[in-house]
Amino acid sequence: MTNEEKLAAILPWIDSEERVTVSFLDEQGLNAEVTDCSDVLVDISLETHAPHFKQHISIPLRCTEVSEDFSHYTRDPDRPLKHCRLMLRIDENRPPIIY
């Protein structure tokens, strides 16, 4: 998949009301919000164990595999239900969380 195809798949998910699934080499199935995306980087906010604290990171698209997560559905009740959500697989370990 090219970076342009990844960008096209990610752009509809830039929404503060929707979550995506993110998996790193060392951690899988994390909830995140896509905050921005360009043809080089995708910016995400990962949920952490600390309430109301998110880890904001930028990941190169070349290290990212884009697919669908059929084990989750969309959460906004005012929109049509989607029976899957975006999944990003990152070919790196999760960066350390700095509190």
N, C-alpha and C. Protein backbone atom coordinates (compact mmCIF):
# COMPACT_ATOMS: atom_id res chain seq x y z
N MET A 1 0.84 -1.17 0.00
CA MET A 1 0.00 0.00 0.00
C MET A 1 0.90 1.25 0.00
N THR A 2 0.63 2.19 -0.88
CA THR A 2 1.44 3.40 -0.97
C THR A 2 1.02 4.40 0.11
N ASN A 3 1.84 5.41 0.33
CA ASN A 3 1.51 6.44 1.31
C ASN A 3 0.23 7.19 0.92
N GLU A 4 0.00 7.39 -0.37
CA GLU A 4 -1.22 8.07 -0.82
C GLU A 4 -2.45 7.23 -0.50
N GLU A 5 -2.37 5.92 -0.67
CA GLU A 5 -3.49 5.04 -0.33
C GLU A 5 -3.73 5.01 1.17
N LYS A 6 -2.65 5.01 1.96
CA LYS A 6 -2.78 5.06 3.41
C LYS A 6 -3.42 6.36 3.85
N LEU A 7 -2.99 7.47 3.25
CA LEU A 7 -3.54 8.78 3.56
C LEU A 7 -5.04 8.81 3.27
N ALA A 8 -5.45 8.27 2.13
CA ALA A 8 -6.86 8.25 1.76
C ALA A 8 -7.69 7.41 2.74
N ALA A 9 -7.11 6.33 3.27
CA ALA A 9 -7.82 5.48 4.22
C ALA A 9 -7.90 6.12 5.61
N ILE A 10 -6.91 6.91 5.98
CA ILE A 10 -6.84 7.50 7.32
C ILE A 10 -7.65 8.79 7.43
N LEU A 11 -7.68 9.61 6.40
CA LEU A 11 -8.32 10.93 6.47
C LEU A 11 -9.76 10.90 6.98
N PRO A 12 -10.63 9.97 6.58
CA PRO A 12 -11.99 9.98 7.12
C PRO A 12 -12.07 9.72 8.63
N TRP A 13 -10.99 9.23 9.23
CA TRP A 13 -10.99 8.90 10.65
C TRP A 13 -10.42 10.03 11.51
N ILE A 14 -10.11 11.17 10.93
CA ILE A 14 -9.67 12.31 11.73
C ILE A 14 -10.91 12.94 12.32
N ASP A 15 -11.25 12.53 13.53
CA ASP A 15 -12.48 12.92 14.19
C ASP A 15 -12.29 12.71 15.69
N SER A 16 -12.53 13.74 16.47
CA SER A 16 -12.33 13.61 17.92
C SER A 16 -13.35 12.70 18.58
N GLU A 17 -14.43 12.35 17.89
CA GLU A 17 -15.45 11.48 18.46
C GLU A 17 -15.24 10.01 18.13
N GLU A 18 -14.32 9.71 17.24
CA GLU A 18 -14.09 8.32 16.84
C GLU A 18 -12.73 7.83 17.31
N ARG A 19 -12.64 6.55 17.59
CA ARG A 19 -11.39 5.94 18.01
C ARG A 19 -10.94 4.95 16.94
N VAL A 20 -9.65 4.71 16.92
CA VAL A 20 -9.05 3.71 16.04
C VAL A 20 -8.25 2.75 16.91
N THR A 21 -7.90 1.61 16.36
CA THR A 21 -7.09 0.64 17.07
C THR A 21 -5.65 0.76 16.58
N VAL A 22 -4.71 0.79 17.53
CA VAL A 22 -3.29 0.90 17.19
C VAL A 22 -2.55 -0.26 17.84
N SER A 23 -1.70 -0.92 17.07
CA SER A 23 -0.89 -2.01 17.59
C SER A 23 0.58 -1.75 17.27
N PHE A 24 1.41 -1.82 18.29
CA PHE A 24 2.85 -1.72 18.14
C PHE A 24 3.43 -3.13 18.23
N LEU A 25 4.73 -3.26 18.05
CA LEU A 25 5.37 -4.57 18.18
C LEU A 25 5.25 -5.11 19.60
N ASP A 26 5.31 -4.21 20.60
CA ASP A 26 5.30 -4.65 22.00
C ASP A 26 3.95 -4.47 22.70
N GLU A 27 2.99 -3.77 22.10
CA GLU A 27 1.66 -3.59 22.68
C GLU A 27 0.63 -3.61 21.56
N GLN A 28 -0.48 -4.30 21.80
CA GLN A 28 -1.51 -4.44 20.79
C GLN A 28 -2.86 -3.97 21.32
N GLY A 29 -3.73 -3.60 20.38
CA GLY A 29 -5.11 -3.28 20.71
C GLY A 29 -5.32 -2.01 21.50
N LEU A 30 -4.50 -1.00 21.28
CA LEU A 30 -4.63 0.26 22.01
C LEU A 30 -5.67 1.15 21.34
N ASN A 31 -6.40 1.92 22.14
CA ASN A 31 -7.36 2.89 21.62
C ASN A 31 -6.64 4.20 21.37
N ALA A 32 -6.95 4.83 20.24
CA ALA A 32 -6.31 6.09 19.90
C ALA A 32 -7.26 6.94 19.07
N GLU A 33 -6.89 8.20 18.96
CA GLU A 33 -7.61 9.15 18.13
C GLU A 33 -6.62 9.68 17.09
N VAL A 34 -7.01 9.69 15.83
CA VAL A 34 -6.17 10.27 14.78
C VAL A 34 -6.42 11.77 14.80
N THR A 35 -5.35 12.55 15.00
CA THR A 35 -5.50 14.01 15.08
C THR A 35 -5.09 14.71 13.80
N ASP A 36 -4.21 14.11 13.02
CA ASP A 36 -3.78 14.72 11.76
C ASP A 36 -3.07 13.67 10.92
N CYS A 37 -2.99 13.92 9.63
CA CYS A 37 -2.28 13.01 8.75
C CYS A 37 -1.80 13.77 7.52
N SER A 38 -0.58 13.49 7.12
CA SER A 38 -0.03 14.05 5.89
C SER A 38 0.46 12.88 5.05
N ASP A 39 1.10 13.18 3.93
CA ASP A 39 1.60 12.10 3.09
C ASP A 39 2.87 11.47 3.64
N VAL A 40 3.34 11.97 4.81
CA VAL A 40 4.56 11.43 5.43
C VAL A 40 4.30 10.92 6.84
N LEU A 41 3.48 11.64 7.64
CA LEU A 41 3.26 11.30 9.05
C LEU A 41 1.79 11.17 9.38
N VAL A 42 1.50 10.34 10.38
CA VAL A 42 0.17 10.30 10.98
C VAL A 42 0.34 10.64 12.46
N ASP A 43 -0.46 11.60 12.94
CA ASP A 43 -0.42 12.03 14.33
C ASP A 43 -1.57 11.36 15.08
N ILE A 44 -1.23 10.72 16.20
CA ILE A 44 -2.25 10.03 16.99
C ILE A 44 -2.12 10.41 18.46
N SER A 45 -3.25 10.30 19.16
CA SER A 45 -3.29 10.49 20.61
C SER A 45 -3.71 9.17 21.21
N LEU A 46 -2.79 8.51 21.90
CA LEU A 46 -3.06 7.22 22.51
C LEU A 46 -3.63 7.39 23.91
N GLU A 47 -4.64 6.59 24.24
CA GLU A 47 -5.15 6.58 25.60
C GLU A 47 -4.13 5.89 26.50
N THR A 48 -3.99 6.40 27.72
CA THR A 48 -3.05 5.82 28.69
C THR A 48 -3.82 5.34 29.91
N HIS A 49 -3.09 4.76 30.86
CA HIS A 49 -3.73 4.28 32.09
C HIS A 49 -4.10 5.43 33.03
N ALA A 50 -3.47 6.58 32.84
CA ALA A 50 -3.79 7.75 33.67
C ALA A 50 -5.03 8.44 33.09
N PRO A 51 -6.03 8.68 33.90
CA PRO A 51 -7.25 9.31 33.39
C PRO A 51 -6.97 10.70 32.81
N HIS A 52 -7.61 11.02 31.71
CA HIS A 52 -7.54 12.33 31.06
C HIS A 52 -6.13 12.69 30.59
N PHE A 53 -5.27 11.71 30.42
CA PHE A 53 -3.92 11.96 29.92
C PHE A 53 -3.71 11.12 28.67
N LYS A 54 -3.33 11.77 27.58
CA LYS A 54 -3.09 11.06 26.33
C LYS A 54 -1.64 11.24 25.89
N GLN A 55 -1.14 10.24 25.21
CA GLN A 55 0.21 10.29 24.67
C GLN A 55 0.11 10.70 23.20
N HIS A 56 0.65 11.86 22.85
CA HIS A 56 0.60 12.38 21.49
C HIS A 56 1.90 12.02 20.77
N ILE A 57 1.77 11.28 19.67
CA ILE A 57 2.96 10.88 18.92
C ILE A 57 2.70 11.02 17.42
N SER A 58 3.79 11.14 16.67
CA SER A 58 3.74 11.16 15.21
C SER A 58 4.50 9.94 14.70
N ILE A 59 3.88 9.23 13.79
CA ILE A 59 4.45 8.00 13.25
C ILE A 59 4.62 8.15 11.74
N PRO A 60 5.77 7.79 11.19
CA PRO A 60 5.94 7.82 9.73
C PRO A 60 5.01 6.81 9.05
N LEU A 61 4.39 7.21 7.96
CA LEU A 61 3.50 6.29 7.24
C LEU A 61 4.25 5.09 6.69
N ARG A 62 5.55 5.24 6.42
CA ARG A 62 6.32 4.10 5.89
C ARG A 62 6.43 2.97 6.91
N CYS A 63 6.26 3.28 8.21
CA CYS A 63 6.31 2.28 9.28
C CYS A 63 4.92 1.80 9.69
N THR A 64 3.90 2.21 8.96
CA THR A 64 2.52 1.95 9.34
C THR A 64 1.82 1.07 8.32
N GLU A 65 1.10 0.09 8.81
CA GLU A 65 0.24 -0.75 7.97
C GLU A 65 -1.21 -0.40 8.33
N VAL A 66 -2.03 -0.15 7.33
CA VAL A 66 -3.42 0.27 7.55
C VAL A 66 -4.34 -0.91 7.22
N SER A 67 -5.26 -1.21 8.13
CA SER A 67 -6.25 -2.26 7.89
C SER A 67 -7.52 -1.92 8.66
N GLU A 68 -8.43 -2.88 8.78
CA GLU A 68 -9.68 -2.67 9.51
C GLU A 68 -9.74 -3.59 10.71
N ASP A 69 -10.32 -3.10 11.78
CA ASP A 69 -10.52 -3.86 13.01
C ASP A 69 -12.00 -4.23 13.10
N PHE A 70 -12.32 -5.49 12.83
CA PHE A 70 -13.71 -5.94 12.84
C PHE A 70 -14.22 -6.28 14.23
N SER A 71 -13.36 -6.19 15.25
CA SER A 71 -13.80 -6.50 16.61
C SER A 71 -14.35 -5.27 17.34
N HIS A 72 -14.29 -4.10 16.70
CA HIS A 72 -14.84 -2.88 17.28
C HIS A 72 -15.75 -2.21 16.25
N TYR A 73 -16.67 -1.41 16.74
CA TYR A 73 -17.53 -0.63 15.86
C TYR A 73 -17.42 0.84 16.25
N THR A 74 -18.00 1.70 15.44
CA THR A 74 -17.92 3.14 15.71
C THR A 74 -18.79 3.50 16.90
N ARG A 75 -18.49 4.62 17.55
CA ARG A 75 -19.14 4.95 18.81
C ARG A 75 -20.09 6.13 18.76
N ASP A 76 -20.14 6.89 17.69
CA ASP A 76 -20.99 8.07 17.62
C ASP A 76 -22.42 7.65 17.28
N PRO A 77 -23.38 7.80 18.21
CA PRO A 77 -24.75 7.34 17.94
C PRO A 77 -25.50 8.21 16.94
N ASP A 78 -25.00 9.41 16.65
CA ASP A 78 -25.67 10.30 15.71
C ASP A 78 -25.28 10.04 14.26
N ARG A 79 -24.38 9.12 14.03
CA ARG A 79 -23.95 8.79 12.68
C ARG A 79 -24.32 7.34 12.37
N PRO A 80 -24.33 7.02 11.10
CA PRO A 80 -24.61 5.61 10.75
C PRO A 80 -23.55 4.67 11.35
N LEU A 81 -24.01 3.52 11.80
CA LEU A 81 -23.12 2.55 12.43
C LEU A 81 -22.17 1.94 11.40
N LYS A 82 -20.90 1.90 11.75
CA LYS A 82 -19.89 1.19 10.96
C LYS A 82 -19.50 -0.03 11.77
N HIS A 83 -19.49 -1.18 11.16
CA HIS A 83 -19.23 -2.43 11.88
C HIS A 83 -17.74 -2.74 12.03
N CYS A 84 -16.89 -1.80 11.71
CA CYS A 84 -15.46 -1.95 11.92
C CYS A 84 -14.86 -0.57 12.09
N ARG A 85 -13.62 -0.54 12.52
CA ARG A 85 -12.93 0.74 12.61
C ARG A 85 -11.50 0.58 12.11
N LEU A 86 -10.84 1.69 11.90
CA LEU A 86 -9.49 1.70 11.36
C LEU A 86 -8.51 1.05 12.33
N MET A 87 -7.57 0.27 11.78
CA MET A 87 -6.50 -0.31 12.59
C MET A 87 -5.16 0.11 11.98
N LEU A 88 -4.29 0.61 12.84
CA LEU A 88 -2.94 0.97 12.43
C LEU A 88 -1.96 0.03 13.10
N ARG A 89 -1.16 -0.66 12.32
CA ARG A 89 -0.10 -1.52 12.85
C ARG A 89 1.22 -0.81 12.62
N ILE A 90 1.92 -0.54 13.72
CA ILE A 90 3.17 0.20 13.67
C ILE A 90 4.33 -0.78 13.81
N ASP A 91 5.28 -0.70 12.90
CA ASP A 91 6.43 -1.61 12.90
C ASP A 91 7.55 -1.12 13.81
N GLU A 92 7.19 -0.65 14.99
CA GLU A 92 8.14 -0.19 16.00
C GLU A 92 7.56 -0.49 17.38
N ASN A 93 8.39 -0.38 18.40
CA ASN A 93 7.88 -0.47 19.78
C ASN A 93 7.21 0.84 20.15
N ARG A 94 6.30 0.77 21.10
CA ARG A 94 5.62 1.98 21.56
C ARG A 94 6.63 2.89 22.26
N PRO A 95 6.60 4.19 21.92
CA PRO A 95 7.50 5.11 22.63
C PRO A 95 7.14 5.18 24.11
N PRO A 96 8.11 5.40 24.97
CA PRO A 96 7.82 5.48 26.42
C PRO A 96 6.92 6.66 26.72
N ILE A 97 6.08 6.48 27.72
CA ILE A 97 5.18 7.55 28.17
C ILE A 97 5.92 8.39 29.19
N ILE A 98 5.92 9.70 28.98
CA ILE A 98 6.57 10.60 29.91
C ILE A 98 5.48 11.40 30.61
N TYR A 99 5.36 11.22 31.92
CA TYR A 99 4.32 11.92 32.69
C TYR A 99 4.81 13.24 33.17
